[in-house]
N, C-alpha and C. Protein backbone atom coordinates (compact mmCIF):
# COMPACT_ATOMS: atom_id res chain seq x y z
N MET A 1 159.82 97.17 97.44
CA MET A 1 158.45 97.07 97.34
C MET A 1 158.46 97.98 98.90
N ILE A 2 157.98 98.96 98.93
CA ILE A 2 157.45 99.85 100.28
C ILE A 2 156.66 99.43 101.37
N ALA A 3 156.86 99.00 102.64
CA ALA A 3 155.86 98.45 103.34
C ALA A 3 154.77 99.58 103.82
N ALA A 4 153.53 98.93 103.68
CA ALA A 4 152.43 100.01 104.32
C ALA A 4 152.85 100.73 105.63
N ILE A 5 152.00 101.62 105.54
CA ILE A 5 152.28 102.43 107.12
C ILE A 5 151.21 102.21 107.82
N ASP A 6 151.75 101.84 108.82
CA ASP A 6 150.78 101.87 109.90
C ASP A 6 150.24 102.93 111.04
N PRO A 7 149.20 103.71 110.89
CA PRO A 7 149.08 104.98 111.55
C PRO A 7 149.23 105.03 113.13
N SER A 8 149.01 103.72 113.31
CA SER A 8 149.04 103.78 114.93
C SER A 8 150.78 103.70 115.28
N MET A 9 151.50 103.65 114.56
CA MET A 9 153.01 103.60 115.17
C MET A 9 153.55 104.68 114.96
N VAL A 10 152.77 105.91 114.57
CA VAL A 10 153.06 106.87 114.41
C VAL A 10 153.14 107.90 115.57
N ALA A 11 154.11 108.30 116.57
CA ALA A 11 154.13 108.89 117.72
C ALA A 11 153.40 110.16 117.40
N GLY A 12 152.38 110.75 118.67
CA GLY A 12 151.76 111.48 118.92
C GLY A 12 150.29 111.48 117.60
N LEU A 13 150.14 110.40 116.65
CA LEU A 13 148.73 110.61 115.71
C LEU A 13 148.08 109.31 116.19
N THR A 14 148.32 108.76 117.18
CA THR A 14 146.95 107.50 117.60
C THR A 14 145.73 108.07 118.07
N ASP A 15 145.56 109.25 118.19
CA ASP A 15 144.26 109.83 118.68
C ASP A 15 143.70 110.52 117.29
N GLN A 16 144.19 110.68 116.42
CA GLN A 16 143.98 111.35 115.20
C GLN A 16 143.27 110.38 114.46
N TRP A 17 143.90 108.93 114.33
CA TRP A 17 143.09 107.92 113.56
C TRP A 17 142.07 106.81 114.26
N GLN A 18 141.81 107.35 115.41
CA GLN A 18 140.94 106.47 116.28
C GLN A 18 139.33 107.22 115.88
N THR A 19 138.25 106.50 115.79
CA THR A 19 137.15 106.71 115.04
C THR A 19 136.25 106.04 116.23
N PRO A 20 135.10 107.17 116.72
CA PRO A 20 134.21 106.78 117.83
C PRO A 20 133.28 105.57 117.25
N ASP A 21 132.81 105.00 118.45
CA ASP A 21 131.66 104.20 117.88
C ASP A 21 130.48 104.84 117.28
N VAL A 22 130.07 104.73 116.25
CA VAL A 22 128.96 105.38 115.75
C VAL A 22 127.76 105.44 116.38
N THR A 23 127.42 104.64 117.23
CA THR A 23 126.15 104.65 118.45
C THR A 23 126.32 105.18 119.34
N GLN A 24 127.49 105.95 119.58
CA GLN A 24 128.03 106.95 120.59
C GLN A 24 128.12 108.59 120.21
N LEU A 25 127.85 108.46 118.88
CA LEU A 25 127.94 110.01 118.06
C LEU A 25 126.83 110.90 118.88
N PRO A 26 126.96 112.15 118.96
CA PRO A 26 125.90 113.02 119.49
C PRO A 26 124.91 112.90 118.34
N GLY A 27 123.81 113.24 118.75
CA GLY A 27 122.54 113.13 117.63
C GLY A 27 122.37 111.69 117.11
N ALA A 28 122.88 110.91 117.44
CA ALA A 28 122.40 109.74 116.66
C ALA A 28 121.76 108.37 117.37
N ASN A 29 120.59 108.66 116.77
CA ASN A 29 119.62 107.77 117.42
C ASN A 29 119.03 106.83 116.61
N PHE A 30 119.65 105.24 116.63
CA PHE A 30 119.55 104.52 115.94
C PHE A 30 117.98 103.69 116.11
N GLN A 31 117.69 103.75 117.76
CA GLN A 31 116.31 103.00 117.95
C GLN A 31 114.85 103.70 117.99
N ASP A 32 114.88 105.29 117.39
CA ASP A 32 113.74 105.96 117.48
C ASP A 32 112.96 105.89 116.26
N PRO A 33 111.72 104.85 116.23
CA PRO A 33 110.83 104.53 115.35
C PRO A 33 110.16 105.98 114.87
N SER A 34 110.46 106.90 115.21
CA SER A 34 110.02 108.29 114.78
C SER A 34 110.76 108.68 113.11
N VAL A 35 112.45 108.24 113.37
CA VAL A 35 113.33 108.57 112.25
C VAL A 35 112.58 107.80 111.13
N GLU A 36 112.44 108.12 110.03
CA GLU A 36 112.10 107.33 108.76
C GLU A 36 113.08 106.66 108.35
N GLY A 37 112.54 105.60 107.91
CA GLY A 37 113.61 104.15 107.50
C GLY A 37 114.15 103.63 108.64
N VAL A 38 114.19 103.89 109.91
CA VAL A 38 114.90 103.18 111.25
C VAL A 38 113.92 102.72 112.08
N GLY A 39 114.39 101.58 112.37
CA GLY A 39 113.18 100.86 113.42
C GLY A 39 112.03 100.44 113.36
N GLY A 40 111.32 100.31 113.96
CA GLY A 40 109.76 99.86 113.63
C GLY A 40 109.75 98.76 112.79
N VAL A 41 110.68 98.18 112.28
CA VAL A 41 110.60 96.91 111.26
C VAL A 41 109.47 95.78 112.17
N ASP A 42 108.53 95.43 111.52
CA ASP A 42 107.53 94.17 112.08
C ASP A 42 107.63 93.21 111.41
N GLY A 43 108.86 92.76 110.79
CA GLY A 43 108.83 91.30 110.07
C GLY A 43 108.56 91.03 108.96
N GLY A 44 107.69 92.31 108.39
CA GLY A 44 107.21 91.62 107.14
C GLY A 44 108.09 91.91 106.08
N GLY A 45 109.29 92.15 105.74
CA GLY A 45 109.81 92.22 104.73
C GLY A 45 109.96 92.62 103.51
N PHE A 46 110.61 92.36 102.64
CA PHE A 46 110.54 93.24 101.24
C PHE A 46 108.97 93.44 100.80
N GLY A 47 108.49 92.09 100.77
CA GLY A 47 107.03 91.84 100.38
C GLY A 47 106.22 92.61 100.78
N LYS A 48 106.08 92.93 102.27
CA LYS A 48 105.03 93.63 102.64
C LYS A 48 105.41 94.89 102.32
N LEU A 49 106.56 95.66 102.52
CA LEU A 49 107.19 96.83 101.94
C LEU A 49 106.52 97.30 100.62
N LEU A 50 107.04 96.44 99.69
CA LEU A 50 106.24 96.44 98.46
C LEU A 50 104.91 96.58 98.06
N SER A 51 104.20 95.93 99.12
CA SER A 51 102.50 95.84 98.94
C SER A 51 102.11 97.10 99.49
N ASN A 52 102.92 97.82 100.55
CA ASN A 52 102.52 98.89 101.32
C ASN A 52 102.63 100.39 100.19
N GLU A 53 103.54 100.09 99.67
CA GLU A 53 103.89 100.93 98.61
C GLU A 53 103.21 100.91 97.21
N ILE A 54 102.69 99.88 97.26
CA ILE A 54 101.51 99.84 95.84
C ILE A 54 100.32 100.17 96.27
N GLY A 55 100.02 100.10 97.20
CA GLY A 55 98.74 100.30 98.11
C GLY A 55 98.62 102.14 98.43
N LYS A 56 99.78 102.53 98.64
CA LYS A 56 100.10 104.08 98.38
C LYS A 56 99.77 104.82 96.84
N LEU A 57 100.43 103.75 95.78
CA LEU A 57 100.22 104.59 94.59
C LEU A 57 98.90 104.12 94.32
N SER A 58 98.34 103.25 94.43
CA SER A 58 96.95 103.11 94.22
C SER A 58 96.03 104.29 95.10
N ASP A 59 96.27 104.63 95.93
CA ASP A 59 95.76 105.35 96.76
C ASP A 59 95.90 107.21 95.96
N LEU A 60 97.05 107.27 95.77
CA LEU A 60 97.46 108.80 94.58
C LEU A 60 96.68 108.62 93.60
N GLN A 61 96.40 107.34 92.61
CA GLN A 61 95.88 107.17 91.37
C GLN A 61 94.42 107.43 91.55
N THR A 62 93.99 107.05 93.09
CA THR A 62 92.47 107.48 93.45
C THR A 62 92.26 108.38 93.45
N ASN A 63 92.97 109.30 94.33
CA ASN A 63 92.77 110.72 94.50
C ASN A 63 92.96 111.61 93.08
N ALA A 64 93.76 111.22 92.73
CA ALA A 64 93.93 111.99 91.13
C ALA A 64 92.79 111.91 90.08
N ALA A 65 92.15 110.70 90.19
CA ALA A 65 91.03 110.55 89.28
C ALA A 65 89.74 111.39 89.88
N VAL A 66 89.64 111.30 91.30
CA VAL A 66 88.54 111.86 91.86
C VAL A 66 88.73 113.50 91.83
N GLN A 67 90.29 114.24 92.20
CA GLN A 67 90.34 115.46 91.61
C GLN A 67 89.95 115.98 90.13
N GLY A 68 90.43 115.06 89.47
CA GLY A 68 90.45 115.52 87.92
C GLY A 68 88.92 115.48 87.38
N GLN A 69 88.28 114.41 87.95
CA GLN A 69 86.64 114.57 87.69
C GLN A 69 86.01 115.64 88.21
N SER A 70 86.29 116.30 89.58
CA SER A 70 85.86 117.50 89.86
C SER A 70 86.55 118.72 89.20
N LEU A 71 87.58 118.46 88.60
CA LEU A 71 88.29 119.79 87.80
C LEU A 71 87.20 119.39 86.47
N ALA A 72 86.72 118.39 85.95
CA ALA A 72 86.32 118.31 84.83
C ALA A 72 84.85 118.74 84.89
N ASP A 73 84.02 118.28 85.88
CA ASP A 73 82.54 118.74 85.94
C ASP A 73 82.35 120.30 86.74
N GLY A 74 83.40 120.79 87.23
CA GLY A 74 83.54 122.08 87.73
C GLY A 74 83.06 122.42 89.06
N THR A 75 83.30 121.31 89.77
CA THR A 75 82.92 121.30 91.18
C THR A 75 84.24 121.50 92.04
N ALA A 76 85.31 121.44 91.41
CA ALA A 76 86.60 121.49 92.38
C ALA A 76 86.71 122.95 92.49
N THR A 77 86.88 123.19 94.04
CA THR A 77 86.92 124.50 94.70
C THR A 77 88.20 125.09 94.37
N ASP A 78 89.44 123.97 94.37
CA ASP A 78 90.72 124.79 94.04
C ASP A 78 91.23 123.84 93.05
N PRO A 79 91.44 124.57 91.70
CA PRO A 79 92.11 123.89 90.51
C PRO A 79 93.25 123.82 90.68
N VAL A 80 94.14 124.23 91.35
CA VAL A 80 96.00 124.01 91.68
C VAL A 80 96.03 122.75 92.50
N THR A 81 95.09 122.65 93.49
CA THR A 81 94.94 121.24 94.05
C THR A 81 94.92 120.18 93.22
N ALA A 82 93.88 120.01 92.48
CA ALA A 82 93.43 119.12 91.37
C ALA A 82 94.41 118.77 90.40
N VAL A 83 94.89 119.84 89.78
CA VAL A 83 96.08 119.73 89.06
C VAL A 83 97.62 119.02 89.84
N MET A 84 97.97 119.37 90.98
CA MET A 84 98.97 119.03 91.81
C MET A 84 98.69 117.62 91.73
N ALA A 85 97.20 117.34 92.36
CA ALA A 85 97.19 115.77 92.72
C ALA A 85 97.21 114.71 91.62
N VAL A 86 96.79 115.43 90.18
CA VAL A 86 97.30 114.27 88.89
C VAL A 86 98.66 114.43 88.73
N GLU A 87 99.31 115.57 88.67
CA GLU A 87 100.89 115.32 88.53
C GLU A 87 101.50 114.66 89.36
N LYS A 88 101.38 114.69 90.97
CA LYS A 88 101.76 113.73 91.79
C LYS A 88 101.68 112.33 91.63
N ALA A 89 100.50 111.91 91.28
CA ALA A 89 100.08 110.46 90.72
C ALA A 89 101.03 110.08 89.49
N GLN A 90 100.98 110.92 88.71
CA GLN A 90 101.52 110.61 87.18
C GLN A 90 103.28 110.47 87.51
N MET A 91 104.07 111.58 88.37
CA MET A 91 105.55 111.19 88.75
C MET A 91 105.63 109.95 89.42
N ALA A 92 104.41 109.65 90.12
CA ALA A 92 104.75 108.32 91.19
C ALA A 92 104.50 106.97 90.37
N MET A 93 103.57 107.30 89.05
CA MET A 93 103.48 106.16 88.29
C MET A 93 104.84 106.23 87.75
N GLN A 94 105.21 106.94 87.05
CA GLN A 94 106.68 107.16 86.33
C GLN A 94 107.86 106.33 87.14
N PHE A 95 108.04 106.71 88.44
CA PHE A 95 108.93 106.10 89.34
C PHE A 95 108.85 104.79 89.71
N ALA A 96 107.41 104.13 89.94
CA ALA A 96 107.36 103.04 90.04
C ALA A 96 107.92 102.37 88.66
N GLY A 97 107.42 102.43 87.54
CA GLY A 97 107.75 102.33 86.36
C GLY A 97 109.64 102.15 86.58
N GLN A 98 109.82 103.12 86.74
CA GLN A 98 111.46 102.98 86.63
C GLN A 98 112.07 101.87 87.76
N ILE A 99 111.40 101.73 89.08
CA ILE A 99 112.06 101.00 90.03
C ILE A 99 111.42 99.48 88.58
N ARG A 100 110.57 99.28 88.47
CA ARG A 100 109.98 97.88 87.85
C ARG A 100 111.16 97.75 86.94
N THR A 101 111.50 98.76 85.91
CA THR A 101 112.52 98.15 84.77
C THR A 101 114.09 98.20 85.48
N ARG A 102 114.32 98.80 86.76
CA ARG A 102 115.63 98.52 87.23
C ARG A 102 115.71 97.14 87.64
N GLY A 103 114.33 97.02 88.70
CA GLY A 103 114.48 95.69 89.07
C GLY A 103 114.70 94.68 88.09
N SER A 104 113.91 94.84 87.04
CA SER A 104 114.10 93.53 86.23
C SER A 104 115.46 93.38 85.27
N GLU A 105 116.35 94.29 84.98
CA GLU A 105 117.45 94.51 84.57
C GLU A 105 118.49 94.20 85.68
N ALA A 106 118.26 94.11 87.45
CA ALA A 106 119.09 93.91 87.84
C ALA A 106 119.09 92.03 88.04
N LEU A 107 117.83 91.57 87.99
CA LEU A 107 117.67 90.43 87.84
C LEU A 107 118.29 89.30 86.80
N THR A 108 117.75 90.20 85.49
CA THR A 108 118.35 89.88 84.09
C THR A 108 120.09 89.56 84.50
N GLU A 109 120.57 90.78 84.71
CA GLU A 109 122.14 90.89 85.27
C GLU A 109 122.55 89.40 86.14
N ILE A 110 121.63 89.61 87.16
CA ILE A 110 121.99 88.11 88.13
C ILE A 110 121.73 86.98 87.45
N PHE A 111 120.76 86.84 86.52
CA PHE A 111 121.01 85.16 85.97
C PHE A 111 122.07 85.04 85.08
N ARG A 112 122.65 86.11 84.48
CA ARG A 112 123.33 85.80 83.30
C ARG A 112 124.73 86.00 84.07
N THR A 113 124.82 86.41 85.18
CA THR A 113 126.30 86.06 85.84
C THR A 113 127.05 84.67 85.89
N GLN A 114 127.91 84.45 85.76
CA GLN A 114 128.45 83.13 85.70
C GLN A 114 129.35 83.02 87.01
N ILE A 115 129.11 81.48 87.43
CA ILE A 115 129.80 81.45 88.73
C ILE A 115 131.06 80.59 88.18
């Protein structure tokens, strides 16, 4: 059996195998709350995140209903905007349905796992 090679033991290659600390990389700002998905967590957890996203989905559905109604009664100033709002709401609803399906499949798989 061949023993594993330790890169630090090879002469002249020690610097090649050293990796810098991720927080020290140029351009890495892990505390800036303006970066989406980084920082600014208020401790609400997954439930609060899910509640916020469902609220956004509801807002998209409401906006699509208003835009669709204005398109149907002829008061829409820009039909393209109305159609885009309806399509955006439809895609968001399909995405939410996929997330629900994948979540339930994952939960079922967890319950099936034998310890």
